[in-house]
Amino acid sequence: MGIFDLEWIGLVITFLGTLFLIGEVLVNMRGLFALLGIGFITVYFSAYAGTESVILMIIIYFVGLVLIIIDGKLLNDGTLSTIGLVAMLTSVGIAAPSLTAALFAIIGVVLGAACSFFFLKVFKRREMWTKIALKDQLSKEAGYNSMNMEYEKLVGEKGVALNDLRPVGTVRINGKDYSAQSEGKWVSKDTEVTVVKVDGTKIQVEEIV
């Protein structure tokens, strides 16, 4: 009995192939993981898929991998990742010589994908993921600062209380409604107020006497 006659061997091969391929996407290994992953996956399909279908199965597998990468890099909504994972699982399952072997191969892909994230604890994260995370943080920070500046410009502006401030309520300033609070005092509805202090997006007003 050859090694490829063992039904569980597909689990080992697809596990290692998927582990290294997704690992290469996550961490910077200068192509080493990619070569290992391609090698294991090629061995799997060459051993089990027919001569005419081996290329098709490899294409389906790698198309699935690309979809997962695109989703993770650009969309982040999980749709393409789901389709990609299904494509990868389908390709290894169809290529398997039996139902049991197919289940082993599918489990190998799932385990390989999950375990690949452990590489992040050992190796350097790829630059593209770092830049994406940094860009997202900067965008949020820029938006937060922009909002702060907008609120800070309200200091000294006059408005009117839309309801009773007890001490928190809503005021209208320059045609826009804001949540505000008084200096611990009750301010009645329709009372004219002025903004005396802004802390972030927290607006403090006082009654105009």
C-alpha atoms as a PDB file:
ATOM      1  CA  MET A   1       0.000   0.000   0.000  1.00  0.00           C
ATOM      2  CA  GLY A   2       1.418   3.367  -1.060  1.00  0.00           C
ATOM      3  CA  ILE A   3       1.302   6.465   1.098  1.00  0.00           C
ATOM      4  CA  PHE A   4      -1.368   8.052  -1.113  1.00  0.00           C
ATOM      5  CA  ASP A   5      -3.638   5.061  -0.541  1.00  0.00           C
ATOM      6  CA  LEU A   6      -4.032   6.144   3.067  1.00  0.00           C
ATOM      7  CA  GLU A   7      -7.265   8.106   3.267  1.00  0.00           C
ATOM      8  CA  TRP A   8      -6.030  10.420   6.023  1.00  0.00           C
ATOM      9  CA  ILE A   9      -2.893  11.515   4.150  1.00  0.00           C
ATOM     10  CA  GLY A  10      -4.969  14.071   2.244  1.00  0.00           C
ATOM     11  CA  LEU A  11      -5.613  15.851   5.550  1.00  0.00           C
ATOM     12  CA  VAL A  12      -1.890  16.260   6.137  1.00  0.00           C
ATOM     13  CA  ILE A  13      -1.144  17.499   2.619  1.00  0.00           C
ATOM     14  CA  THR A  14      -4.026  19.974   2.357  1.00  0.00           C
ATOM     15  CA  PHE A  15      -3.344  21.155   5.892  1.00  0.00           C
ATOM     16  CA  LEU A  16       0.287  21.975   5.111  1.00  0.00           C
ATOM     17  CA  GLY A  17      -0.531  23.432   1.709  1.00  0.00           C
ATOM     18  CA  THR A  18      -3.219  25.779   3.034  1.00  0.00           C
ATOM     19  CA  LEU A  19      -1.197  26.592   6.156  1.00  0.00           C
ATOM     20  CA  PHE A  20       1.783  27.840   4.159  1.00  0.00           C
ATOM     21  CA  LEU A  21      -0.182  29.589   1.407  1.00  0.00           C
ATOM     22  CA  ILE A  22      -2.334  31.670   3.737  1.00  0.00           C
ATOM     23  CA  GLY A  23       0.694  32.074   5.995  1.00  0.00           C
ATOM     24  CA  GLU A  24       2.561  33.683   3.092  1.00  0.00           C
ATOM     25  CA  VAL A  25      -0.298  36.144   2.681  1.00  0.00           C
ATOM     26  CA  LEU A  26      -0.253  37.070   6.365  1.00  0.00           C
ATOM     27  CA  VAL A  27       3.475  37.252   7.066  1.00  0.00           C
ATOM     28  CA  ASN A  28       6.505  38.256   5.041  1.00  0.00           C
ATOM     29  CA  MET A  29       8.448  35.061   4.327  1.00  0.00           C
ATOM     30  CA  ARG A  30       9.854  36.212   0.979  1.00  0.00           C
ATOM     31  CA  GLY A  31       8.028  33.531  -0.970  1.00  0.00           C
ATOM     32  CA  LEU A  32       9.260  30.547   1.032  1.00  0.00           C
ATOM     33  CA  PHE A  33       5.836  29.697   2.435  1.00  0.00           C
ATOM     34  CA  ALA A  34       4.292  30.248  -0.995  1.00  0.00           C
ATOM     35  CA  LEU A  35       6.642  27.709  -2.595  1.00  0.00           C
ATOM     36  CA  LEU A  36       5.986  25.176   0.151  1.00  0.00           C
ATOM     37  CA  GLY A  37       2.234  25.692  -0.084  1.00  0.00           C
ATOM     38  CA  ILE A  38       2.126  25.423  -3.867  1.00  0.00           C
ATOM     39  CA  GLY A  39       4.285  22.314  -3.629  1.00  0.00           C
ATOM     40  CA  PHE A  40       1.980  20.512  -1.201  1.00  0.00           C
ATOM     41  CA  ILE A  41      -1.195  21.478  -3.063  1.00  0.00           C
ATOM     42  CA  THR A  42       0.302  20.426  -6.406  1.00  0.00           C
ATOM     43  CA  VAL A  43       1.292  17.078  -4.902  1.00  0.00           C
ATOM     44  CA  TYR A  44      -2.237  16.584  -3.592  1.00  0.00           C
ATOM     45  CA  PHE A  45      -4.009  17.269  -6.869  1.00  0.00           C
ATOM     46  CA  SER A  46      -1.401  15.394  -8.905  1.00  0.00           C
ATOM     47  CA  ALA A  47      -1.859  12.334  -6.712  1.00  0.00           C
ATOM     48  CA  TYR A  48      -5.661  12.306  -6.654  1.00  0.00           C
ATOM     49  CA  ALA A  49      -7.106  14.321  -9.530  1.00  0.00           C
ATOM     50  CA  GLY A  50      -7.241  12.827 -13.012  1.00  0.00           C
ATOM     51  CA  THR A  51      -4.718  13.959 -15.586  1.00  0.00           C
ATOM     52  CA  GLU A  52      -7.305  16.065 -17.394  1.00  0.00           C
ATOM     53  CA  SER A  53      -8.786  17.691 -14.294  1.00  0.00           C
ATOM     54  CA  VAL A  54      -5.688  18.332 -12.188  1.00  0.00           C
ATOM     55  CA  ILE A  55      -5.077  21.775 -13.709  1.00  0.00           C
ATOM     56  CA  LEU A  56      -8.760  22.720 -13.337  1.00  0.00           C
ATOM     57  CA  MET A  57      -8.791  21.680  -9.677  1.00  0.00           C
ATOM     58  CA  ILE A  58      -5.619  23.656  -8.975  1.00  0.00           C
ATOM     59  CA  ILE A  59      -7.118  26.714 -10.668  1.00  0.00           C
ATOM     60  CA  ILE A  60     -10.331  26.449  -8.627  1.00  0.00           C
ATOM     61  CA  TYR A  61      -8.325  26.103  -5.410  1.00  0.00           C
ATOM     62  CA  PHE A  62      -6.156  29.139  -6.104  1.00  0.00           C
ATOM     63  CA  VAL A  63      -9.083  31.237  -7.337  1.00  0.00           C
ATOM     64  CA  GLY A  64     -10.686  30.561  -3.957  1.00  0.00           C
ATOM     65  CA  LEU A  65      -7.494  31.660  -2.213  1.00  0.00           C
ATOM     66  CA  VAL A  66      -7.375  34.877  -4.268  1.00  0.00           C
ATOM     67  CA  LEU A  67     -10.993  35.669  -3.379  1.00  0.00           C
ATOM     68  CA  ILE A  68     -10.168  35.353   0.313  1.00  0.00           C
ATOM     69  CA  ILE A  69      -7.214  37.721  -0.120  1.00  0.00           C
ATOM     70  CA  ILE A  70      -9.308  40.271  -2.017  1.00  0.00           C
ATOM     71  CA  ASP A  71     -12.011  40.185   0.651  1.00  0.00           C
ATOM     72  CA  GLY A  72      -9.519  40.616   3.458  1.00  0.00           C
ATOM     73  CA  LYS A  73      -7.666  43.432   1.724  1.00  0.00           C
ATOM     74  CA  LEU A  74     -10.474  45.444   0.139  1.00  0.00           C
ATOM     75  CA  LEU A  75     -14.008  44.494   1.148  1.00  0.00           C
ATOM     76  CA  ASN A  76     -13.978  42.918   4.615  1.00  0.00           C
ATOM     77  CA  ASP A  77     -17.627  41.883   4.400  1.00  0.00           C
ATOM     78  CA  GLY A  78     -16.987  38.128   4.272  1.00  0.00           C
ATOM     79  CA  THR A  79     -18.867  37.448   1.023  1.00  0.00           C
ATOM     80  CA  LEU A  80     -15.866  36.749  -1.209  1.00  0.00           C
ATOM     81  CA  SER A  81     -14.099  34.931   1.632  1.00  0.00           C
ATOM     82  CA  THR A  82     -17.034  32.556   1.959  1.00  0.00           C
ATOM     83  CA  ILE A  83     -17.125  31.918  -1.791  1.00  0.00           C
ATOM     84  CA  GLY A  84     -13.351  31.466  -1.831  1.00  0.00           C
ATOM     85  CA  LEU A  85     -13.385  28.982   1.042  1.00  0.00           C
ATOM     86  CA  VAL A  86     -16.183  26.997  -0.623  1.00  0.00           C
ATOM     87  CA  ALA A  87     -14.161  26.890  -3.852  1.00  0.00           C
ATOM     88  CA  MET A  88     -11.095  25.589  -2.029  1.00  0.00           C
ATOM     89  CA  LEU A  89     -13.076  22.961  -0.143  1.00  0.00           C
ATOM     90  CA  THR A  90     -14.913  21.881  -3.295  1.00  0.00           C
ATOM     91  CA  SER A  91     -11.710  21.457  -5.277  1.00  0.00           C
ATOM     92  CA  VAL A  92     -10.006  19.219  -2.714  1.00  0.00           C
ATOM     93  CA  GLY A  93     -13.215  17.313  -2.058  1.00  0.00           C
ATOM     94  CA  ILE A  94     -13.913  16.538  -5.722  1.00  0.00           C
ATOM     95  CA  ALA A  95     -10.323  15.463  -6.302  1.00  0.00           C
ATOM     96  CA  ALA A  96     -10.367  12.966  -3.410  1.00  0.00           C
ATOM     97  CA  PRO A  97     -10.750   9.273  -4.328  1.00  0.00           C
ATOM     98  CA  SER A  98     -13.446   8.568  -1.736  1.00  0.00           C
ATOM     99  CA  LEU A  99     -15.921  10.313   0.533  1.00  0.00           C
ATOM    100  CA  THR A 100     -13.801   9.630   3.605  1.00  0.00           C
ATOM    101  CA  ALA A 101     -10.685  10.963   1.903  1.00  0.00           C
ATOM    102  CA  ALA A 102     -12.661  14.021   0.793  1.00  0.00           C
ATOM    103  CA  LEU A 103     -13.715  14.736   4.383  1.00  0.00           C
ATOM    104  CA  PHE A 104     -10.123  14.420   5.556  1.00  0.00           C
ATOM    105  CA  ALA A 105      -8.935  16.797   2.825  1.00  0.00           C
ATOM    106  CA  ILE A 106     -11.644  19.351   3.645  1.00  0.00           C
ATOM    107  CA  ILE A 107     -10.765  19.223   7.340  1.00  0.00           C
ATOM    108  CA  GLY A 108      -7.134  19.761   6.365  1.00  0.00           C
ATOM    109  CA  VAL A 109      -7.975  22.964   4.490  1.00  0.00           C
ATOM    110  CA  VAL A 110     -10.059  24.335   7.366  1.00  0.00           C
ATOM    111  CA  LEU A 111      -7.418  23.514   9.971  1.00  0.00           C
ATOM    112  CA  GLY A 112      -4.636  24.897   7.786  1.00  0.00           C
ATOM    113  CA  ALA A 113      -6.465  28.183   7.281  1.00  0.00           C
ATOM    114  CA  ALA A 114      -7.159  28.520  11.010  1.00  0.00           C
ATOM    115  CA  CYS A 115      -3.644  27.600  12.149  1.00  0.00           C
ATOM    116  CA  SER A 116      -1.975  29.960   9.659  1.00  0.00           C
ATOM    117  CA  PHE A 117      -2.871  32.887  11.927  1.00  0.00           C
ATOM    118  CA  PHE A 118      -0.438  31.567  14.518  1.00  0.00           C
ATOM    119  CA  PHE A 119       2.347  32.724  12.187  1.00  0.00           C
ATOM    120  CA  LEU A 120       1.408  36.285  13.151  1.00  0.00           C
ATOM    121  CA  LYS A 121       2.689  35.577  16.657  1.00  0.00           C
ATOM    122  CA  VAL A 122       6.095  34.441  15.368  1.00  0.00           C
ATOM    123  CA  PHE A 123       6.880  36.254  12.117  1.00  0.00           C
ATOM    124  CA  LYS A 124       6.655  39.832  10.902  1.00  0.00           C
ATOM    125  CA  ARG A 125       3.260  40.872   9.554  1.00  0.00           C
ATOM    126  CA  ARG A 126       3.179  41.807   5.870  1.00  0.00           C
ATOM    127  CA  GLU A 127       3.524  45.527   5.178  1.00  0.00           C
ATOM    128  CA  MET A 128       0.263  45.753   3.232  1.00  0.00           C
ATOM    129  CA  TRP A 129      -1.778  44.667   6.256  1.00  0.00           C
ATOM    130  CA  THR A 130       0.098  47.111   8.487  1.00  0.00           C
ATOM    131  CA  LYS A 131      -0.492  49.974   6.058  1.00  0.00           C
ATOM    132  CA  ILE A 132      -4.166  49.146   5.716  1.00  0.00           C
ATOM    133  CA  ALA A 133      -4.609  49.108   9.500  1.00  0.00           C
ATOM    134  CA  LEU A 134      -2.661  52.372   9.851  1.00  0.00           C
ATOM    135  CA  LYS A 135      -4.643  54.044   7.082  1.00  0.00           C
ATOM    136  CA  ASP A 136      -7.884  53.024   8.743  1.00  0.00           C
ATOM    137  CA  GLN A 137      -6.721  54.400  12.078  1.00  0.00           C
ATOM    138  CA  LEU A 138      -5.605  57.670  10.524  1.00  0.00           C
ATOM    139  CA  SER A 139      -8.920  58.048   8.738  1.00  0.00           C
ATOM    140  CA  LYS A 140     -10.803  57.608  11.984  1.00  0.00           C
ATOM    141  CA  GLU A 141      -8.466  59.968  13.787  1.00  0.00           C
ATOM    142  CA  ALA A 142      -8.853  62.568  11.047  1.00  0.00           C
ATOM    143  CA  GLY A 143     -12.611  62.263  11.248  1.00  0.00           C
ATOM    144  CA  TYR A 144     -12.538  62.554  15.010  1.00  0.00           C
ATOM    145  CA  ASN A 145     -10.322  65.657  14.894  1.00  0.00           C
ATOM    146  CA  SER A 146     -12.547  67.207  12.252  1.00  0.00           C
ATOM    147  CA  MET A 147     -15.568  66.736  14.506  1.00  0.00           C
ATOM    148  CA  ASN A 148     -13.683  68.217  17.450  1.00  0.00           C
ATOM    149  CA  MET A 149     -12.775  71.311  15.453  1.00  0.00           C
ATOM    150  CA  GLU A 150     -16.395  71.738  14.382  1.00  0.00           C
ATOM    151  CA  TYR A 151     -17.561  71.612  17.996  1.00  0.00           C
ATOM    152  CA  GLU A 152     -14.796  73.922  19.237  1.00  0.00           C
ATOM    153  CA  LYS A 153     -16.004  76.624  16.842  1.00  0.00           C
ATOM    154  CA  LEU A 154     -19.284  76.663  18.746  1.00  0.00           C
ATOM    155  CA  VAL A 155     -17.725  78.350  21.790  1.00  0.00           C
ATOM    156  CA  GLY A 156     -19.324  81.773  22.133  1.00  0.00           C
ATOM    157  CA  GLU A 157     -22.168  80.942  19.746  1.00  0.00           C
ATOM    158  CA  LYS A 158     -25.752  81.585  20.825  1.00  0.00           C
ATOM    159  CA  GLY A 159     -28.687  79.233  20.509  1.00  0.00           C
ATOM    160  CA  VAL A 160     -31.981  78.203  22.054  1.00  0.00           C
ATOM    161  CA  ALA A 161     -32.955  75.277  24.260  1.00  0.00           C
ATOM    162  CA  LEU A 162     -35.343  72.943  22.440  1.00  0.00           C
ATOM    163  CA  ASN A 163     -36.358  71.286  25.686  1.00  0.00           C
ATOM    164  CA  ASP A 164     -35.679  71.627  29.387  1.00  0.00           C
ATOM    165  CA  LEU A 165     -32.008  71.113  30.217  1.00  0.00           C
ATOM    166  CA  ARG A 166     -32.043  69.133  33.489  1.00  0.00           C
ATOM    167  CA  PRO A 167     -29.103  69.666  33.092  1.00  0.00           C
ATOM    168  CA  VAL A 168     -28.793  67.691  29.814  1.00  0.00           C
ATOM    169  CA  GLY A 169     -30.958  68.422  26.794  1.00  0.00           C
ATOM    170  CA  THR A 170     -30.942  69.590  23.188  1.00  0.00           C
ATOM    171  CA  VAL A 171     -30.081  73.033  21.879  1.00  0.00           C
ATOM    172  CA  ARG A 172     -30.302  74.532  18.414  1.00  0.00           C
ATOM    173  CA  ILE A 173     -27.304  76.568  17.297  1.00  0.00           C
ATOM    174  CA  ASN A 174     -27.073  78.094  13.839  1.00  0.00           C
ATOM    175  CA  GLY A 175     -29.900  75.886  12.625  1.00  0.00           C
ATOM    176  CA  LYS A 176     -28.347  72.629  13.865  1.00  0.00           C
ATOM    177  CA  ASP A 177     -29.366  70.565  16.880  1.00  0.00           C
ATOM    178  CA  TYR A 178     -26.801  69.487  19.459  1.00  0.00           C
ATOM    179  CA  SER A 179     -26.867  67.600  22.715  1.00  0.00           C
ATOM    180  CA  ALA A 180     -25.706  69.938  25.471  1.00  0.00           C
ATOM    181  CA  GLN A 181     -25.691  70.399  29.202  1.00  0.00           C
ATOM    182  CA  SER A 182     -25.947  73.377  31.480  1.00  0.00           C
ATOM    183  CA  GLU A 183     -23.640  74.158  34.367  1.00  0.00           C
ATOM    184  CA  GLY A 184     -25.697  72.087  36.761  1.00  0.00           C
ATOM    185  CA  LYS A 185     -28.641  74.463  36.480  1.00  0.00           C
ATOM    186  CA  TRP A 186     -32.144  73.912  35.164  1.00  0.00           C
ATOM    187  CA  VAL A 187     -32.624  75.740  31.878  1.00  0.00           C
ATOM    188  CA  SER A 188     -36.182  75.944  30.606  1.00  0.00           C
ATOM    189  CA  LYS A 189     -37.322  75.215  27.068  1.00  0.00           C
ATOM    190  CA  ASP A 190     -37.043  78.126  24.574  1.00  0.00           C
ATOM    191  CA  THR A 191     -34.458  79.869  26.758  1.00  0.00           C
ATOM    192  CA  GLU A 192     -31.616  81.565  24.906  1.00  0.00           C
ATOM    193  CA  VAL A 193     -28.237  80.061  25.753  1.00  0.00           C
ATOM    194  CA  THR A 194     -24.608  80.545  24.811  1.00  0.00           C
ATOM    195  CA  VAL A 195     -21.856  77.955  24.481  1.00  0.00           C
ATOM    196  CA  VAL A 196     -19.249  78.507  27.196  1.00  0.00           C
ATOM    197  CA  LYS A 197     -17.151  75.370  26.887  1.00  0.00           C
ATOM    198  CA  VAL A 198     -16.546  72.424  24.556  1.00  0.00           C
ATOM    199  CA  ASP A 199     -14.756  69.262  25.637  1.00  0.00           C
ATOM    200  CA  GLY A 200     -14.432  66.943  22.650  1.00  0.00           C
ATOM    201  CA  THR A 201     -18.063  66.644  21.566  1.00  0.00           C
ATOM    202  CA  LYS A 202     -19.432  67.617  24.944  1.00  0.00           C
ATOM    203  CA  ILE A 203     -21.079  71.051  24.779  1.00  0.00           C
ATOM    204  CA  GLN A 204     -21.642  73.135  27.899  1.00  0.00           C
ATOM    205  CA  VAL A 205     -24.020  76.080  27.761  1.00  0.00           C
ATOM    206  CA  GLU A 206     -25.359  78.699  30.090  1.00  0.00           C
ATOM    207  CA  GLU A 207     -28.497  80.830  30.076  1.00  0.00           C
ATOM    208  CA  ILE A 208     -28.178  84.299  28.593  1.00  0.00           C
ATOM    209  CA  VAL A 209     -29.293  86.728  31.287  1.00  0.00           C
END
